[in-house]
Amino acid sequence: MSDPIIRTSNVAVLLKLEATESVDALPGVTDAVNVEANSVQTSAPFTAEASSEATGSLVGGAPLVIGQPATIRFRSQIKGAGAGVTYSPTVKPPLHQALQACGKRGQFTAAKVTSLCSAGSATSATLNAAHAATAEAYRGMRLIITAGAGAGSTALVSSYSAGRVALLTKTFLTPLDASTSVAINDNWTYSGTSPLDLTARLTDQPSATIYVYRDGKLRKFVACRGTVDYSGNTARAGFADFSFTGIYVGDADAAVPSGLVLPSHSAPILAQSTALDAVVLLNRLPMPISQWSLENGGTLETPDDPNTNNGFGASVITDRIPLLKMDPLATLIAYRNSIADIQGGTLMNASLSCGISAGNRWALTLPRVQKTVAEDGERGKLQSEQITAQARSLSVDAYGRDGDSILMFD
């Protein structure tokens, strides 16, 4: 029998949250993650160091075989459950479990039916008593304006007060007012967490079991936690780049499972759908960008532990410094003055909205960012700005999650 050759395109990644840390959660076909075939990488569980022992000759001694933390990386298109699909506590976006294992705790919010606003302005909407009187209950969600001032448009909520005032990431040329009717779709939001104790940590930052199948070979990992970066280009899909660290369990010969439950529809693209909705905004100004990214800037610590297969315990999420990067075309100072923003430590909001079909669209809201870099660049023969802004925390939301960034699917 000839040695079978492994084909890299025949790959599948299964990821399931663990009920008990480090105990194999036994992921099945419903736990498959949509991944780019050429993006899946796993590290070897061992490395080696040269021995310094004398051997009586110039030939080195037996190498030192050393365990090391296992890493699993893959890239996924960001897409919703499907056009026309209604989210619920059980109907979730495809990347739900992977995001949670990166400390991005998901929260389902039921739809709020169309109702009149109590008041409004060019940058805010005051919702009526049909909506929650809880601070940050709707942060990162999409207001759909169905009638009155602003009708036909949508807006993302950057912050929400106990007085039901929703601050928005855009400016309306015709201010919203008491004639404005708004609705909120059923949605899932994902935000980072800063758990205060062990109980909260296990809830907010659960571990996962990951199975990686490659054309007849299976590699297993447990106690996996990770970080995730988002990125994309104009008129193209957005991507989530996952990097997990866990404990290697073992390899086995196993066929890629049949009947994997994977989203087969196309991912939404970053492009304006109507004349009313700019899809990339910074400081409430539309940004003519070519590319963007939100780097998590987080770190994982993998503590030494001899009571595991390779000498390392479950990884721990320790911190993050999220950085938003984009490359808008340069413009006049009167429109955008990034140097003054940097000098003054100006705080502003930012947002991206991808897709037009309910059920297969998503949005990313950063309620408070501070520019730190603005360098000259070029896009063809046009000048651009290479902007970096650090996402800052805007307190916790109504569910105990941080406010640096909110990924929303509706």
Protein backbone atom coordinates (compact mmCIF):
# COMPACT_ATOMS: atom_id res chain seq x y z
CA MET A 1 0.00 0.00 0.00
CA SER A 2 1.39 3.37 -1.00
CA ASP A 3 1.67 6.15 1.53
CA PRO A 4 -1.55 8.22 1.21
CA ILE A 5 -0.99 11.88 0.47
CA ILE A 6 -2.90 14.41 2.56
CA ARG A 7 -4.82 16.97 0.47
CA THR A 8 -5.01 20.29 2.26
CA SER A 9 -8.33 21.33 0.75
CA ASN A 10 -10.15 18.36 2.31
CA VAL A 11 -10.22 19.89 5.79
CA ALA A 12 -12.86 20.39 8.45
CA VAL A 13 -12.75 22.15 11.82
CA LEU A 14 -15.20 21.23 14.57
CA LEU A 15 -15.36 23.39 17.70
CA LYS A 16 -17.58 22.90 20.74
CA LEU A 17 -17.61 24.72 24.08
CA GLU A 18 -16.65 22.55 27.04
CA ALA A 19 -18.97 21.98 29.98
CA THR A 20 -15.87 21.24 32.07
CA GLU A 21 -12.53 22.78 31.20
CA SER A 22 -10.10 20.30 29.60
CA VAL A 23 -12.74 17.58 29.24
CA ASP A 24 -13.36 16.63 25.60
CA ALA A 25 -16.71 18.10 24.57
CA LEU A 26 -16.97 15.59 21.68
CA PRO A 27 -17.83 18.02 18.89
CA GLY A 28 -20.09 16.63 16.15
CA VAL A 29 -21.27 17.63 12.70
CA THR A 30 -23.43 20.47 14.06
CA ASP A 31 -20.30 22.05 15.59
CA ALA A 32 -18.49 22.53 12.26
CA VAL A 33 -16.91 25.95 11.69
CA ASN A 34 -16.80 27.58 8.26
CA VAL A 35 -13.10 28.05 7.48
CA GLU A 36 -10.94 29.03 4.52
CA ALA A 37 -9.33 25.76 3.45
CA ASN A 38 -5.79 27.14 3.13
CA SER A 39 -5.92 28.97 6.46
CA VAL A 40 -6.02 26.03 8.88
CA GLN A 41 -2.76 25.62 10.79
CA THR A 42 -1.92 23.50 13.84
CA SER A 43 1.35 23.34 15.72
CA ALA A 44 3.28 20.28 16.79
CA PRO A 45 2.89 19.41 20.49
CA PHE A 46 6.64 19.06 20.99
CA THR A 47 9.81 20.91 20.10
CA ALA A 48 13.45 20.02 20.70
CA GLU A 49 16.58 21.60 22.12
CA ALA A 50 20.12 20.47 21.36
CA SER A 51 21.84 18.67 24.19
CA SER A 52 25.03 20.09 25.65
CA GLU A 53 26.11 16.75 27.11
CA ALA A 54 29.59 15.57 26.22
CA THR A 55 29.55 12.31 24.23
CA GLY A 56 33.28 11.62 23.84
CA SER A 57 33.06 12.74 20.21
CA LEU A 58 32.02 15.77 18.18
CA VAL A 59 28.56 14.29 17.70
CA GLY A 60 25.90 15.87 19.89
CA GLY A 61 24.02 13.97 22.54
CA ALA A 62 20.38 12.98 22.53
CA PRO A 63 18.15 16.00 21.94
CA LEU A 64 15.87 17.30 24.67
CA VAL A 65 12.25 16.78 23.64
CA ILE A 66 10.13 19.54 25.17
CA GLY A 67 6.39 19.98 25.30
CA GLN A 68 4.89 23.24 24.08
CA PRO A 69 1.44 24.82 24.00
CA ALA A 70 -0.59 23.76 21.00
CA THR A 71 -1.87 26.42 18.62
CA ILE A 72 -4.73 26.24 16.13
CA ARG A 73 -5.34 29.01 13.59
CA PHE A 74 -7.96 29.45 10.92
CA ARG A 75 -9.75 32.18 8.97
CA SER A 76 -13.52 32.38 8.54
CA GLN A 77 -15.83 34.50 6.45
CA ILE A 78 -18.15 36.56 8.63
CA LYS A 79 -21.69 35.71 7.62
CA GLY A 80 -25.11 35.45 9.20
CA ALA A 81 -27.37 32.45 9.57
CA GLY A 82 -28.92 33.13 6.15
CA ALA A 83 -31.05 35.71 4.34
CA GLY A 84 -34.57 35.66 5.76
CA VAL A 85 -33.57 33.65 8.82
CA THR A 86 -34.92 35.01 12.11
CA TYR A 87 -32.53 34.78 15.04
CA SER A 88 -33.68 33.29 18.34
CA PRO A 89 -32.07 31.91 21.50
CA THR A 90 -31.41 28.71 19.52
CA VAL A 91 -30.83 30.14 16.01
CA LYS A 92 -27.36 31.67 16.17
CA PRO A 93 -24.73 33.02 13.78
CA PRO A 94 -22.32 30.38 12.39
CA LEU A 95 -19.32 31.58 14.42
CA HIS A 96 -21.18 31.66 17.74
CA GLN A 97 -19.07 29.09 19.61
CA ALA A 98 -15.74 30.22 18.16
CA LEU A 99 -16.41 33.82 19.21
CA GLN A 100 -17.39 32.76 22.72
CA ALA A 101 -14.17 30.77 23.12
CA CYS A 102 -12.37 34.05 22.38
CA GLY A 103 -14.09 35.79 25.28
CA LYS A 104 -16.72 37.43 23.03
CA ARG A 105 -19.83 36.55 24.99
CA GLY A 106 -22.98 36.34 22.90
CA GLN A 107 -26.28 37.91 23.89
CA PHE A 108 -29.64 37.39 22.16
CA THR A 109 -32.05 40.34 22.14
CA ALA A 110 -35.63 39.85 21.00
CA ALA A 111 -37.10 42.19 18.40
CA LYS A 112 -38.74 45.43 19.39
CA VAL A 113 -41.75 46.19 17.22
CA THR A 114 -42.17 49.49 15.40
CA SER A 115 -42.97 52.37 17.74
CA LEU A 116 -42.78 56.15 17.68
CA CYS A 117 -39.84 57.96 19.23
CA SER A 118 -40.49 60.40 22.05
CA ALA A 119 -37.96 62.83 20.57
CA GLY A 120 -34.84 62.93 18.45
CA SER A 121 -32.00 64.95 16.99
CA ALA A 122 -29.47 64.70 14.17
CA THR A 123 -27.45 62.18 16.17
CA SER A 124 -29.88 60.57 18.62
CA ALA A 125 -33.27 59.00 19.09
CA THR A 126 -35.23 58.98 22.33
CA LEU A 127 -37.19 55.73 22.42
CA ASN A 128 -40.56 55.39 24.13
CA ALA A 129 -41.71 53.32 27.09
CA ALA A 130 -41.96 50.17 24.97
CA HIS A 131 -38.18 49.96 25.16
CA ALA A 132 -35.91 49.07 28.06
CA ALA A 133 -34.98 51.76 30.58
CA THR A 134 -31.63 50.05 31.15
CA ALA A 135 -28.30 51.67 30.33
CA GLU A 136 -26.57 50.14 27.28
CA ALA A 137 -29.33 47.61 26.67
CA TYR A 138 -29.22 48.26 22.89
CA ARG A 139 -25.60 49.27 22.39
CA GLY A 140 -24.28 48.07 19.04
CA MET A 141 -27.75 47.25 17.68
CA ARG A 142 -29.40 48.58 14.53
CA LEU A 143 -32.35 50.98 14.66
CA ILE A 144 -34.53 50.50 11.59
CA ILE A 145 -36.42 53.71 10.80
CA THR A 146 -39.74 52.79 9.26
CA ALA A 147 -41.62 56.09 9.13
CA GLY A 148 -41.36 59.83 9.81
CA ALA A 149 -38.10 61.77 9.80
CA GLY A 150 -35.30 59.49 8.60
CA ALA A 151 -37.67 56.90 7.09
CA GLY A 152 -35.93 54.27 4.96
CA SER A 153 -32.65 54.56 6.82
CA THR A 154 -30.95 52.62 9.60
CA ALA A 155 -28.52 53.66 12.33
CA LEU A 156 -26.28 51.84 14.78
CA VAL A 157 -26.50 52.64 18.49
CA SER A 158 -23.16 53.68 20.00
CA SER A 159 -24.58 54.13 23.51
CA TYR A 160 -27.93 53.99 25.25
CA SER A 161 -29.00 55.63 28.50
CA ALA A 162 -31.43 54.61 31.21
CA GLY A 163 -33.49 57.55 29.95
CA ARG A 164 -33.92 55.64 26.65
CA VAL A 165 -31.72 58.03 24.65
CA ALA A 166 -29.89 56.17 21.88
CA LEU A 167 -26.79 57.97 20.59
CA LEU A 168 -26.10 57.02 16.99
CA THR A 169 -22.96 56.57 14.89
CA LYS A 170 -24.30 58.73 12.05
CA THR A 171 -25.62 62.25 11.53
CA PHE A 172 -29.04 62.74 9.92
CA LEU A 173 -29.35 65.76 7.64
CA THR A 174 -33.01 65.92 8.66
CA PRO A 175 -33.01 65.45 12.44
CA LEU A 176 -35.06 62.64 13.91
CA ASP A 177 -38.10 63.73 15.93
CA ALA A 178 -41.35 62.52 17.46
CA SER A 179 -42.61 61.54 13.99
CA THR A 180 -39.84 58.96 13.67
CA SER A 181 -40.83 55.31 14.06
CA VAL A 182 -38.13 52.73 14.81
CA ALA A 183 -37.82 48.98 15.21
CA ILE A 184 -35.08 46.56 16.26
CA ASN A 185 -34.77 43.09 14.72
CA ASP A 186 -34.07 39.90 16.65
CA ASN A 187 -30.30 39.90 16.96
CA TRP A 188 -27.17 38.44 18.52
CA THR A 189 -24.38 40.69 19.77
CA TYR A 190 -20.84 39.68 20.77
CA SER A 191 -18.65 41.77 23.06
CA GLY A 192 -15.43 41.23 24.97
CA THR A 193 -15.48 40.44 28.67
CA SER A 194 -13.44 41.22 31.78
CA PRO A 195 -14.61 38.61 34.30
CA LEU A 196 -14.23 39.62 37.95
CA ASP A 197 -13.96 36.13 39.48
CA LEU A 198 -13.58 32.46 38.60
CA THR A 199 -17.29 31.85 38.18
CA ALA A 200 -17.62 34.77 35.78
CA ARG A 201 -14.50 33.67 33.92
CA LEU A 202 -15.92 30.24 33.15
CA THR A 203 -19.12 31.86 31.89
CA ASP A 204 -17.60 34.79 30.00
CA GLN A 205 -14.51 33.04 28.63
CA PRO A 206 -15.37 29.34 28.22
CA SER A 207 -12.89 26.82 26.85
CA ALA A 208 -13.49 24.71 23.77
CA THR A 209 -12.58 21.38 22.27
CA ILE A 210 -11.31 21.60 18.69
CA TYR A 211 -11.09 18.72 16.20
CA VAL A 212 -9.15 19.31 13.00
CA TYR A 213 -9.77 16.74 10.25
CA ARG A 214 -7.40 16.61 7.29
CA ASP A 215 -8.21 14.14 4.54
CA GLY A 216 -8.37 11.06 6.75
CA LYS A 217 -6.40 12.30 9.75
CA LEU A 218 -7.77 13.81 12.97
CA ARG A 219 -5.93 15.98 15.51
CA LYS A 220 -7.67 16.80 18.82
CA PHE A 221 -7.21 19.68 21.27
CA VAL A 222 -8.95 20.56 24.53
CA ALA A 223 -8.98 23.58 26.87
CA CYS A 224 -8.73 25.96 23.91
CA ARG A 225 -9.17 29.70 24.23
CA GLY A 226 -8.28 32.26 21.64
CA THR A 227 -8.18 35.71 20.18
CA VAL A 228 -9.95 36.96 17.06
CA ASP A 229 -9.13 39.78 14.65
CA TYR A 230 -11.59 41.17 12.09
CA SER A 231 -10.64 42.58 8.69
CA GLY A 232 -11.93 43.21 5.21
CA ASN A 233 -11.89 45.23 2.02
CA THR A 234 -14.43 47.43 0.33
CA ALA A 235 -17.03 45.52 -1.72
CA ARG A 236 -15.79 42.22 -0.28
CA ALA A 237 -16.64 39.94 2.60
CA GLY A 238 -15.30 40.47 6.10
CA PHE A 239 -13.10 37.87 7.77
CA ALA A 240 -12.43 36.68 11.30
CA ASP A 241 -8.90 35.42 11.98
CA PHE A 242 -8.91 33.05 14.95
CA SER A 243 -5.84 32.04 16.94
CA PHE A 244 -6.41 29.44 19.67
CA THR A 245 -4.08 27.91 22.24
CA GLY A 246 -4.94 24.64 23.91
CA ILE A 247 -3.75 21.22 25.05
CA TYR A 248 -2.90 18.61 22.43
CA VAL A 249 -4.76 15.33 22.97
CA GLY A 250 -3.64 13.14 20.10
CA ASP A 251 -3.78 12.15 16.43
CA ALA A 252 -5.84 9.40 14.85
CA ASP A 253 -6.84 8.17 11.43
CA ALA A 254 -10.41 9.29 10.87
CA ALA A 255 -12.34 10.32 7.79
CA VAL A 256 -13.76 13.81 7.51
CA PRO A 257 -17.31 13.42 8.91
CA SER A 258 -20.16 13.42 6.43
CA GLY A 259 -23.18 15.66 6.86
CA LEU A 260 -21.31 18.65 8.30
CA VAL A 261 -23.71 21.48 9.13
CA LEU A 262 -22.09 24.50 7.47
CA PRO A 263 -23.49 27.77 6.08
CA SER A 264 -23.54 27.34 2.30
CA HIS A 265 -24.69 30.87 1.41
CA SER A 266 -22.45 33.73 0.34
CA ALA A 267 -21.10 36.16 2.90
CA PRO A 268 -22.37 39.77 2.73
CA ILE A 269 -20.09 42.44 1.29
CA LEU A 270 -19.09 45.88 2.52
CA ALA A 271 -20.89 48.24 0.15
CA GLN A 272 -23.62 50.84 0.55
CA SER A 273 -27.06 49.50 -0.21
CA THR A 274 -29.10 52.70 -0.34
CA ALA A 275 -28.38 56.39 -0.68
CA LEU A 276 -29.36 56.82 2.97
CA ASP A 277 -26.87 54.52 4.68
CA ALA A 278 -23.12 55.07 4.67
CA VAL A 279 -21.55 51.79 5.75
CA VAL A 280 -18.18 52.94 7.13
CA LEU A 281 -18.22 55.85 9.57
CA LEU A 282 -15.60 57.42 11.82
CA ASN A 283 -16.64 60.35 14.01
CA ARG A 284 -19.97 60.18 12.15
CA LEU A 285 -18.21 60.95 8.84
CA PRO A 286 -18.35 58.52 5.88
CA MET A 287 -14.90 57.04 5.21
CA PRO A 288 -13.87 56.22 1.60
CA ILE A 289 -11.66 53.28 2.52
CA SER A 290 -10.06 50.43 0.63
CA GLN A 291 -9.40 48.18 3.64
CA TRP A 292 -10.01 47.99 7.37
CA SER A 293 -9.13 45.84 10.35
CA LEU A 294 -9.86 45.55 14.05
CA GLU A 295 -6.92 43.88 15.75
CA ASN A 296 -7.80 42.38 19.10
CA GLY A 297 -4.36 43.12 20.51
CA GLY A 298 -4.95 40.50 23.18
CA THR A 299 -2.66 38.01 24.79
CA LEU A 300 -3.05 34.48 26.05
CA GLU A 301 -0.99 33.03 28.86
CA THR A 302 -0.44 29.29 29.00
CA PRO A 303 0.72 28.38 32.53
CA ASP A 304 3.29 25.66 33.10
CA ASP A 305 1.60 22.56 34.49
CA PRO A 306 3.32 19.17 34.72
CA ASN A 307 -0.03 17.48 35.30
CA THR A 308 -0.88 17.60 31.58
CA ASN A 309 0.32 15.67 28.54
CA ASN A 310 2.83 18.28 27.44
CA GLY A 311 3.51 20.35 30.57
CA PHE A 312 1.08 23.20 29.97
CA GLY A 313 -2.37 23.93 31.34
CA ALA A 314 -5.41 25.58 29.83
CA SER A 315 -4.76 28.95 28.24
CA VAL A 316 -5.99 32.11 29.96
CA ILE A 317 -7.18 35.33 28.28
CA THR A 318 -5.29 38.14 30.02
CA ASP A 319 -5.84 41.48 28.29
CA ARG A 320 -6.38 43.25 24.96
CA ILE A 321 -5.59 46.57 23.27
CA PRO A 322 -7.98 46.66 20.30
CA LEU A 323 -6.81 48.77 17.36
CA LEU A 324 -9.00 49.92 14.48
CA LYS A 325 -7.09 50.55 11.24
CA MET A 326 -8.41 52.01 8.00
CA ASP A 327 -7.11 53.90 4.97
CA PRO A 328 -9.57 56.65 3.94
CA LEU A 329 -8.63 58.96 1.10
CA ALA A 330 -7.07 62.18 2.36
CA THR A 331 -9.23 65.30 2.43
CA LEU A 332 -9.23 68.93 3.53
CA ILE A 333 -8.64 69.93 7.15
CA ALA A 334 -12.13 71.42 7.30
CA TYR A 335 -13.57 67.94 6.80
CA ARG A 336 -11.16 65.76 8.78
CA ASN A 337 -8.19 66.87 10.88
CA SER A 338 -6.56 63.73 12.21
CA ILE A 339 -3.50 65.50 13.60
CA ALA A 340 -5.71 67.77 15.72
CA ASP A 341 -7.70 64.74 16.82
CA ILE A 342 -4.51 63.00 17.96
CA GLN A 343 -3.15 66.07 19.72
CA GLY A 344 -6.42 66.70 21.51
CA GLY A 345 -7.08 63.07 22.47
CA THR A 346 -10.47 63.38 20.80
CA LEU A 347 -12.87 60.52 21.50
CA MET A 348 -15.27 59.49 18.73
CA ASN A 349 -17.31 56.52 17.59
CA ALA A 350 -16.83 54.27 14.58
CA SER A 351 -18.93 51.67 12.80
CA LEU A 352 -19.08 49.31 9.85
CA SER A 353 -22.21 47.71 8.43
CA CYS A 354 -21.96 44.77 6.05
CA GLY A 355 -24.84 43.33 4.03
CA ILE A 356 -28.41 44.29 3.21
CA SER A 357 -30.47 41.15 3.91
CA ALA A 358 -31.87 40.56 7.38
CA GLY A 359 -30.49 37.27 8.67
CA ASN A 360 -27.28 37.62 6.65
CA ARG A 361 -25.88 40.97 7.66
CA TRP A 362 -23.64 42.13 10.46
CA ALA A 363 -22.32 45.35 11.94
CA LEU A 364 -19.34 46.32 14.05
CA THR A 365 -19.71 49.25 16.45
CA LEU A 366 -16.90 50.91 18.39
CA PRO A 367 -18.53 53.42 20.75
CA ARG A 368 -15.32 55.18 21.78
CA VAL A 369 -12.07 55.25 19.83
CA GLN A 370 -9.06 57.54 20.04
CA LYS A 371 -6.81 58.15 17.06
CA THR A 372 -3.16 57.40 17.72
CA VAL A 373 -1.58 57.35 14.23
CA ALA A 374 -2.30 59.19 10.98
CA GLU A 375 0.34 58.67 8.31
CA ASP A 376 0.40 59.65 4.66
CA GLY A 377 -0.29 56.91 2.17
CA GLU A 378 -1.15 56.42 -1.47
CA ARG A 379 -3.92 54.59 -3.25
CA GLY A 380 -3.03 54.62 -6.92
CA LYS A 381 -2.40 58.29 -7.64
CA LEU A 382 -4.62 59.48 -4.80
CA GLN A 383 -3.37 60.38 -1.34
CA SER A 384 -4.74 58.42 1.60
CA GLU A 385 -4.44 58.47 5.37
CA GLN A 386 -3.31 55.39 7.26
CA ILE A 387 -5.33 55.83 10.45
CA THR A 388 -4.96 53.79 13.63
CA ALA A 389 -7.39 54.35 16.51
CA GLN A 390 -7.44 52.52 19.82
CA ALA A 391 -10.82 51.28 20.98
CA ARG A 392 -11.51 52.37 24.53
CA SER A 393 -13.90 50.89 27.06
CA LEU A 394 -17.28 52.57 27.45
CA SER A 395 -18.15 50.84 30.73
CA VAL A 396 -19.98 47.52 30.75
CA ASP A 397 -23.27 46.98 28.99
CA ALA A 398 -26.55 45.74 30.43
CA TYR A 399 -25.18 42.19 30.31
CA GLY A 400 -21.84 42.81 32.01
CA ARG A 401 -19.75 42.92 28.82
CA ASP A 402 -17.15 45.50 27.84
CA GLY A 403 -17.92 48.36 25.48
CA ASP A 404 -14.79 48.54 23.30
CA SER A 405 -16.41 46.80 20.31
CA ILE A 406 -19.70 45.07 19.55
CA LEU A 407 -20.20 42.62 16.68
CA MET A 408 -23.90 42.35 15.86
CA PHE A 409 -25.85 39.97 13.61
CA ASP A 410 -29.46 40.78 12.69
